[in-house]
Amino acid sequence: MPEDVDYPAVMCDSALMRIVQPAMGPGNVIDRYGSAGAQRLGGVRFDGSGGLTFITLTAGGHLGRHPAPLAQLFCVVRGEGWVSGDDGSRVAIAAGEAAVWESGEQHESGTDSGMTVAVLEASSLETSDSAR
């Protein structure tokens, strides 16, 4: 590191930083809207509305069609699958890609081989990258 840059101190035993482990178990199974093979791994809620939730889908799993309660950013962190929006057309998606749905937009997702996603929900989302 350059010596002329003032880097903030990093404390490994900080009371502010926490390492958390996803809460797995039958209470975290997602079966609403006809979903199957889906499990909530954990997440965090933001002040007000919104949050971040981690979800895993087993091979053949899907999250059933439903309206987005808030704007959603559906980020695939492992695996691959498909997503669809209001028109119901399935579009392939893989690790490193994300789908955006607006509040109220009907959507669903699924996978043949397994997929883990991070779903960010907020009152509004603005992306800076190009869409396909």
N, C-alpha and C. Protein backbone atom coordinates (compact mmCIF):
# COMPACT_ATOMS: atom_id res chain seq x y z
N MET A 1 0.83 -1.18 0.00
CA MET A 1 0.00 0.00 0.00
C MET A 1 0.88 1.24 0.00
N PRO A 2 0.48 2.27 -0.73
CA PRO A 2 1.24 3.51 -0.70
C PRO A 2 1.24 4.10 0.70
N GLU A 3 2.39 4.61 1.14
CA GLU A 3 2.52 5.14 2.49
C GLU A 3 1.88 6.51 2.65
N ASP A 4 1.65 7.23 1.55
CA ASP A 4 1.10 8.58 1.67
C ASP A 4 -0.43 8.60 1.68
N VAL A 5 -1.08 7.43 1.69
CA VAL A 5 -2.54 7.35 1.73
C VAL A 5 -2.97 7.01 3.14
N ASP A 6 -3.95 7.73 3.64
CA ASP A 6 -4.45 7.52 5.00
C ASP A 6 -5.58 6.49 4.96
N TYR A 7 -5.27 5.21 5.18
CA TYR A 7 -6.26 4.16 5.18
C TYR A 7 -6.92 4.07 6.55
N PRO A 8 -8.22 3.82 6.62
CA PRO A 8 -8.86 3.66 7.93
C PRO A 8 -8.37 2.40 8.62
N ALA A 9 -8.37 2.44 9.94
CA ALA A 9 -7.95 1.27 10.72
C ALA A 9 -8.95 0.14 10.55
N VAL A 10 -8.47 -1.07 10.52
CA VAL A 10 -9.33 -2.24 10.43
C VAL A 10 -9.17 -3.04 11.71
N MET A 11 -10.27 -3.31 12.37
CA MET A 11 -10.22 -4.06 13.62
C MET A 11 -10.89 -5.40 13.41
N CYS A 12 -10.15 -6.47 13.52
CA CYS A 12 -10.70 -7.80 13.31
C CYS A 12 -11.64 -8.21 14.42
N ASP A 13 -11.46 -7.67 15.62
CA ASP A 13 -12.33 -8.04 16.73
C ASP A 13 -13.39 -6.97 16.96
N SER A 14 -13.75 -6.26 15.90
CA SER A 14 -14.70 -5.16 15.99
C SER A 14 -16.07 -5.64 16.47
N ALA A 15 -16.66 -4.84 17.34
CA ALA A 15 -18.02 -5.13 17.79
C ALA A 15 -19.03 -4.75 16.72
N LEU A 16 -18.58 -4.04 15.68
CA LEU A 16 -19.49 -3.62 14.62
C LEU A 16 -19.63 -4.67 13.53
N MET A 17 -18.55 -5.33 13.18
CA MET A 17 -18.61 -6.35 12.14
C MET A 17 -19.03 -7.68 12.75
N ARG A 18 -19.90 -8.37 12.01
CA ARG A 18 -20.32 -9.71 12.45
C ARG A 18 -20.27 -10.64 11.26
N ILE A 19 -19.91 -11.87 11.51
CA ILE A 19 -19.98 -12.92 10.50
C ILE A 19 -21.22 -13.72 10.85
N VAL A 20 -22.14 -13.86 9.91
CA VAL A 20 -23.38 -14.58 10.17
C VAL A 20 -23.43 -15.83 9.32
N GLN A 21 -24.17 -16.80 9.78
CA GLN A 21 -24.34 -18.05 9.06
C GLN A 21 -25.80 -18.17 8.67
N PRO A 22 -26.08 -18.51 7.41
CA PRO A 22 -27.47 -18.64 6.99
C PRO A 22 -28.25 -19.61 7.88
N ALA A 23 -29.49 -19.26 8.15
CA ALA A 23 -30.36 -20.11 8.98
C ALA A 23 -31.10 -21.09 8.08
N MET A 24 -30.69 -22.34 8.08
CA MET A 24 -31.32 -23.36 7.25
C MET A 24 -32.30 -24.14 8.13
N GLY A 25 -33.35 -24.63 7.54
CA GLY A 25 -34.29 -25.43 8.29
C GLY A 25 -35.66 -25.42 7.66
N PRO A 26 -36.56 -26.26 8.14
CA PRO A 26 -37.88 -26.38 7.53
C PRO A 26 -38.70 -25.10 7.63
N GLY A 27 -38.42 -24.25 8.60
CA GLY A 27 -39.15 -23.00 8.73
C GLY A 27 -38.82 -22.00 7.65
N ASN A 28 -37.78 -22.26 6.88
CA ASN A 28 -37.35 -21.33 5.85
C ASN A 28 -37.70 -21.80 4.44
N VAL A 29 -38.50 -22.85 4.33
CA VAL A 29 -38.95 -23.34 3.03
C VAL A 29 -39.91 -22.31 2.42
N ILE A 30 -39.72 -22.04 1.13
CA ILE A 30 -40.61 -21.12 0.41
C ILE A 30 -41.56 -21.96 -0.42
N ASP A 31 -42.86 -21.87 -0.11
CA ASP A 31 -43.84 -22.63 -0.88
C ASP A 31 -45.02 -21.78 -1.35
N ARG A 32 -44.97 -20.48 -1.09
CA ARG A 32 -46.05 -19.59 -1.57
C ARG A 32 -46.07 -19.54 -3.09
N TYR A 33 -47.22 -19.28 -3.64
CA TYR A 33 -47.42 -19.13 -5.08
C TYR A 33 -47.05 -20.39 -5.87
N GLY A 34 -47.10 -21.55 -5.22
CA GLY A 34 -46.77 -22.79 -5.91
C GLY A 34 -45.27 -23.02 -6.06
N SER A 35 -44.47 -22.28 -5.29
CA SER A 35 -43.02 -22.46 -5.35
C SER A 35 -42.65 -23.85 -4.84
N ALA A 36 -41.55 -24.38 -5.35
CA ALA A 36 -41.06 -25.70 -4.92
C ALA A 36 -39.54 -25.73 -5.02
N GLY A 37 -38.90 -26.48 -4.11
CA GLY A 37 -37.45 -26.60 -4.13
C GLY A 37 -36.75 -25.29 -3.80
N ALA A 38 -37.42 -24.42 -3.04
CA ALA A 38 -36.86 -23.10 -2.72
C ALA A 38 -36.74 -22.94 -1.20
N GLN A 39 -35.62 -22.37 -0.77
CA GLN A 39 -35.40 -22.17 0.66
C GLN A 39 -34.71 -20.84 0.91
N ARG A 40 -35.23 -20.10 1.87
CA ARG A 40 -34.63 -18.84 2.29
C ARG A 40 -33.44 -19.17 3.18
N LEU A 41 -32.26 -18.63 2.84
CA LEU A 41 -31.05 -18.90 3.60
C LEU A 41 -30.79 -17.84 4.67
N GLY A 42 -31.44 -16.73 4.59
CA GLY A 42 -31.22 -15.65 5.54
C GLY A 42 -31.26 -14.33 4.81
N GLY A 43 -31.07 -13.26 5.55
CA GLY A 43 -31.09 -11.95 4.92
C GLY A 43 -31.04 -10.85 5.94
N VAL A 44 -31.31 -9.65 5.47
CA VAL A 44 -31.30 -8.47 6.33
C VAL A 44 -32.39 -7.52 5.85
N ARG A 45 -33.04 -6.86 6.77
CA ARG A 45 -34.06 -5.87 6.43
C ARG A 45 -33.44 -4.49 6.55
N PHE A 46 -33.87 -3.56 5.72
CA PHE A 46 -33.39 -2.18 5.78
C PHE A 46 -34.35 -1.36 6.64
N ASP A 47 -33.90 -0.20 7.07
CA ASP A 47 -34.82 0.73 7.74
C ASP A 47 -35.93 1.05 6.76
N GLY A 48 -37.15 1.08 7.26
CA GLY A 48 -38.27 1.33 6.36
C GLY A 48 -38.60 0.07 5.60
N SER A 49 -38.74 0.17 4.29
CA SER A 49 -39.09 -1.00 3.49
C SER A 49 -37.88 -1.48 2.71
N GLY A 50 -37.85 -2.75 2.45
CA GLY A 50 -36.80 -3.33 1.63
C GLY A 50 -35.87 -4.21 2.42
N GLY A 51 -34.99 -4.89 1.69
CA GLY A 51 -34.04 -5.76 2.33
C GLY A 51 -33.30 -6.59 1.31
N LEU A 52 -32.48 -7.49 1.84
CA LEU A 52 -31.69 -8.40 1.03
C LEU A 52 -31.94 -9.80 1.56
N THR A 53 -32.32 -10.72 0.69
CA THR A 53 -32.61 -12.10 1.07
C THR A 53 -31.82 -13.04 0.17
N PHE A 54 -31.23 -14.07 0.78
CA PHE A 54 -30.54 -15.11 0.02
C PHE A 54 -31.47 -16.31 -0.10
N ILE A 55 -31.58 -16.84 -1.32
CA ILE A 55 -32.48 -17.96 -1.60
C ILE A 55 -31.72 -19.00 -2.40
N THR A 56 -31.93 -20.27 -2.07
CA THR A 56 -31.36 -21.34 -2.89
C THR A 56 -32.49 -22.13 -3.52
N LEU A 57 -32.30 -22.49 -4.76
CA LEU A 57 -33.25 -23.33 -5.50
C LEU A 57 -32.54 -24.62 -5.85
N THR A 58 -33.14 -25.74 -5.49
CA THR A 58 -32.57 -27.03 -5.85
C THR A 58 -32.83 -27.31 -7.32
N ALA A 59 -32.18 -28.33 -7.88
CA ALA A 59 -32.41 -28.70 -9.27
C ALA A 59 -33.90 -28.94 -9.48
N GLY A 60 -34.47 -28.29 -10.48
CA GLY A 60 -35.90 -28.39 -10.76
C GLY A 60 -36.75 -27.44 -9.93
N GLY A 61 -36.13 -26.65 -9.07
CA GLY A 61 -36.88 -25.73 -8.21
C GLY A 61 -37.34 -24.48 -8.94
N HIS A 62 -38.36 -23.85 -8.36
CA HIS A 62 -38.85 -22.59 -8.94
C HIS A 62 -39.55 -21.75 -7.89
N LEU A 63 -39.54 -20.45 -8.12
CA LEU A 63 -40.32 -19.49 -7.34
C LEU A 63 -41.53 -19.15 -8.20
N GLY A 64 -42.71 -19.46 -7.70
CA GLY A 64 -43.94 -19.30 -8.48
C GLY A 64 -44.24 -17.86 -8.85
N ARG A 65 -45.05 -17.71 -9.89
CA ARG A 65 -45.42 -16.41 -10.42
C ARG A 65 -46.16 -15.59 -9.36
N HIS A 66 -45.70 -14.35 -9.16
CA HIS A 66 -46.31 -13.45 -8.16
C HIS A 66 -45.89 -12.02 -8.46
N PRO A 67 -46.62 -11.05 -7.92
CA PRO A 67 -46.23 -9.65 -8.14
C PRO A 67 -45.09 -9.25 -7.20
N ALA A 68 -44.17 -8.47 -7.69
CA ALA A 68 -43.08 -7.97 -6.85
C ALA A 68 -43.66 -6.97 -5.84
N PRO A 69 -43.44 -7.19 -4.53
CA PRO A 69 -43.98 -6.27 -3.54
C PRO A 69 -43.28 -4.90 -3.57
N LEU A 70 -42.02 -4.90 -4.00
CA LEU A 70 -41.20 -3.70 -4.19
C LEU A 70 -40.37 -3.93 -5.44
N ALA A 71 -39.63 -2.94 -5.88
CA ALA A 71 -38.68 -3.17 -6.98
C ALA A 71 -37.69 -4.23 -6.50
N GLN A 72 -37.30 -5.14 -7.40
CA GLN A 72 -36.41 -6.24 -7.02
C GLN A 72 -35.22 -6.35 -7.97
N LEU A 73 -34.06 -6.62 -7.38
CA LEU A 73 -32.85 -6.96 -8.12
C LEU A 73 -32.54 -8.40 -7.75
N PHE A 74 -32.65 -9.32 -8.69
CA PHE A 74 -32.51 -10.76 -8.50
C PHE A 74 -31.13 -11.15 -9.03
N CYS A 75 -30.15 -11.26 -8.15
CA CYS A 75 -28.75 -11.49 -8.52
C CYS A 75 -28.39 -12.96 -8.37
N VAL A 76 -27.99 -13.59 -9.45
CA VAL A 76 -27.58 -14.99 -9.39
C VAL A 76 -26.12 -15.03 -8.94
N VAL A 77 -25.87 -15.68 -7.80
CA VAL A 77 -24.50 -15.77 -7.27
C VAL A 77 -23.87 -17.14 -7.52
N ARG A 78 -24.70 -18.13 -7.79
CA ARG A 78 -24.18 -19.47 -8.12
C ARG A 78 -25.22 -20.20 -8.96
N GLY A 79 -24.73 -20.91 -9.98
CA GLY A 79 -25.63 -21.72 -10.81
C GLY A 79 -26.22 -20.93 -11.96
N GLU A 80 -27.31 -21.48 -12.48
CA GLU A 80 -27.99 -20.87 -13.63
C GLU A 80 -29.44 -21.29 -13.63
N GLY A 81 -30.24 -20.54 -14.37
CA GLY A 81 -31.66 -20.85 -14.44
C GLY A 81 -32.35 -19.95 -15.45
N TRP A 82 -33.57 -19.56 -15.11
CA TRP A 82 -34.36 -18.70 -15.99
C TRP A 82 -35.20 -17.76 -15.13
N VAL A 83 -35.59 -16.65 -15.75
CA VAL A 83 -36.47 -15.67 -15.12
C VAL A 83 -37.50 -15.24 -16.15
N SER A 84 -38.64 -14.75 -15.67
CA SER A 84 -39.62 -14.16 -16.58
C SER A 84 -40.29 -12.99 -15.89
N GLY A 85 -40.76 -12.07 -16.71
CA GLY A 85 -41.45 -10.89 -16.21
C GLY A 85 -42.93 -10.94 -16.56
N ASP A 86 -43.52 -9.77 -16.74
CA ASP A 86 -44.95 -9.67 -17.02
C ASP A 86 -45.40 -10.49 -18.22
N ASP A 87 -44.56 -10.58 -19.26
CA ASP A 87 -44.99 -11.29 -20.48
C ASP A 87 -44.87 -12.80 -20.37
N GLY A 88 -44.24 -13.31 -19.29
CA GLY A 88 -44.13 -14.76 -19.08
C GLY A 88 -43.05 -15.45 -19.89
N SER A 89 -42.33 -14.70 -20.74
CA SER A 89 -41.27 -15.31 -21.56
C SER A 89 -40.06 -15.60 -20.69
N ARG A 90 -39.57 -16.84 -20.75
CA ARG A 90 -38.40 -17.23 -19.96
C ARG A 90 -37.12 -16.77 -20.63
N VAL A 91 -36.24 -16.20 -19.81
CA VAL A 91 -34.94 -15.71 -20.27
C VAL A 91 -33.87 -16.38 -19.41
N ALA A 92 -32.85 -16.95 -20.05
CA ALA A 92 -31.76 -17.61 -19.33
C ALA A 92 -30.99 -16.59 -18.50
N ILE A 93 -30.54 -17.03 -17.32
CA ILE A 93 -29.75 -16.18 -16.43
C ILE A 93 -28.73 -17.07 -15.72
N ALA A 94 -27.54 -16.52 -15.45
CA ALA A 94 -26.46 -17.31 -14.83
C ALA A 94 -25.72 -16.46 -13.81
N ALA A 95 -24.85 -17.12 -13.06
CA ALA A 95 -24.05 -16.44 -12.04
C ALA A 95 -23.38 -15.21 -12.64
N GLY A 96 -23.45 -14.10 -11.90
CA GLY A 96 -22.88 -12.84 -12.36
C GLY A 96 -23.88 -11.96 -13.08
N GLU A 97 -25.10 -12.46 -13.30
CA GLU A 97 -26.14 -11.67 -13.97
C GLU A 97 -27.27 -11.40 -12.98
N ALA A 98 -28.07 -10.39 -13.31
CA ALA A 98 -29.20 -10.03 -12.45
C ALA A 98 -30.38 -9.61 -13.30
N ALA A 99 -31.57 -9.87 -12.77
CA ALA A 99 -32.81 -9.40 -13.38
C ALA A 99 -33.40 -8.32 -12.49
N VAL A 100 -34.06 -7.35 -13.10
CA VAL A 100 -34.72 -6.28 -12.35
C VAL A 100 -36.21 -6.34 -12.65
N TRP A 101 -37.02 -6.34 -11.59
CA TRP A 101 -38.47 -6.26 -11.73
C TRP A 101 -38.95 -5.04 -10.99
N GLU A 102 -39.91 -4.34 -11.58
CA GLU A 102 -40.49 -3.17 -10.93
C GLU A 102 -41.58 -3.60 -9.95
N SER A 103 -41.86 -2.75 -9.00
CA SER A 103 -42.90 -3.03 -8.02
C SER A 103 -44.22 -3.35 -8.74
N GLY A 104 -44.85 -4.44 -8.34
CA GLY A 104 -46.12 -4.86 -8.94
C GLY A 104 -45.97 -5.75 -10.16
N GLU A 105 -44.76 -5.85 -10.73
CA GLU A 105 -44.56 -6.66 -11.93
C GLU A 105 -44.66 -8.15 -11.61
N GLN A 106 -45.46 -8.86 -12.38
CA GLN A 106 -45.58 -10.31 -12.24
C GLN A 106 -44.26 -10.94 -12.70
N HIS A 107 -43.76 -11.90 -11.95
CA HIS A 107 -42.50 -12.52 -12.32
C HIS A 107 -42.39 -13.90 -11.69
N GLU A 108 -41.46 -14.68 -12.20
CA GLU A 108 -41.15 -16.01 -11.64
C GLU A 108 -39.74 -16.38 -12.06
N SER A 109 -39.21 -17.43 -11.44
CA SER A 109 -37.86 -17.88 -11.76
C SER A 109 -37.75 -19.36 -11.46
N GLY A 110 -36.75 -19.99 -12.07
CA GLY A 110 -36.54 -21.42 -11.82
C GLY A 110 -35.21 -21.88 -12.36
N THR A 111 -34.93 -23.16 -12.13
CA THR A 111 -33.66 -23.72 -12.55
C THR A 111 -33.79 -25.22 -12.79
N ASP A 112 -33.05 -25.73 -13.74
CA ASP A 112 -32.98 -27.17 -13.96
C ASP A 112 -31.86 -27.80 -13.14
N SER A 113 -30.82 -27.01 -12.86
CA SER A 113 -29.61 -27.56 -12.24
C SER A 113 -29.28 -27.05 -10.85
N GLY A 114 -30.00 -26.05 -10.36
CA GLY A 114 -29.73 -25.47 -9.05
C GLY A 114 -29.21 -24.05 -9.19
N MET A 115 -29.60 -23.19 -8.24
CA MET A 115 -29.21 -21.79 -8.34
C MET A 115 -29.33 -21.15 -6.95
N THR A 116 -28.37 -20.28 -6.62
CA THR A 116 -28.44 -19.48 -5.40
C THR A 116 -28.49 -18.03 -5.81
N VAL A 117 -29.40 -17.27 -5.20
CA VAL A 117 -29.60 -15.88 -5.57
C VAL A 117 -29.62 -14.97 -4.34
N ALA A 118 -29.28 -13.73 -4.58
CA ALA A 118 -29.45 -12.66 -3.59
C ALA A 118 -30.51 -11.74 -4.16
N VAL A 119 -31.60 -11.55 -3.42
CA VAL A 119 -32.71 -10.72 -3.90
C VAL A 119 -32.73 -9.43 -3.08
N LEU A 120 -32.49 -8.32 -3.75
CA LEU A 120 -32.52 -7.00 -3.12
C LEU A 120 -33.86 -6.37 -3.43
N GLU A 121 -34.59 -5.94 -2.40
CA GLU A 121 -35.87 -5.26 -2.58
C GLU A 121 -35.76 -3.85 -2.02
N ALA A 122 -36.29 -2.88 -2.77
CA ALA A 122 -36.26 -1.49 -2.34
C ALA A 122 -37.44 -0.76 -2.98
N SER A 123 -37.76 0.42 -2.46
CA SER A 123 -38.88 1.17 -3.02
C SER A 123 -38.62 1.56 -4.47
N SER A 124 -37.35 1.76 -4.83
CA SER A 124 -36.99 2.00 -6.22
C SER A 124 -35.54 1.56 -6.44
N LEU A 125 -35.23 1.19 -7.66
CA LEU A 125 -33.89 0.76 -8.04
C LEU A 125 -33.50 1.47 -9.32
N GLU A 126 -32.27 1.89 -9.41
CA GLU A 126 -31.76 2.48 -10.64
C GLU A 126 -30.46 1.74 -10.97
N THR A 127 -30.42 1.10 -12.13
CA THR A 127 -29.23 0.37 -12.52
C THR A 127 -28.36 1.23 -13.42
N SER A 128 -27.07 0.97 -13.41
CA SER A 128 -26.15 1.75 -14.24
C SER A 128 -25.60 0.94 -15.40
N ASP A 129 -25.85 -0.38 -15.41
CA ASP A 129 -25.32 -1.22 -16.47
C ASP A 129 -26.35 -1.42 -17.58
N SER A 130 -25.85 -1.85 -18.73
CA SER A 130 -26.74 -2.07 -19.87
C SER A 130 -27.59 -3.32 -19.65
N ALA A 131 -28.74 -3.32 -20.27
CA ALA A 131 -29.68 -4.46 -20.17
C ALA A 131 -29.69 -5.21 -21.49
N ARG A 132 -30.02 -6.47 -21.38
CA ARG A 132 -30.18 -7.25 -22.62
C ARG A 132 -31.63 -7.63 -22.77
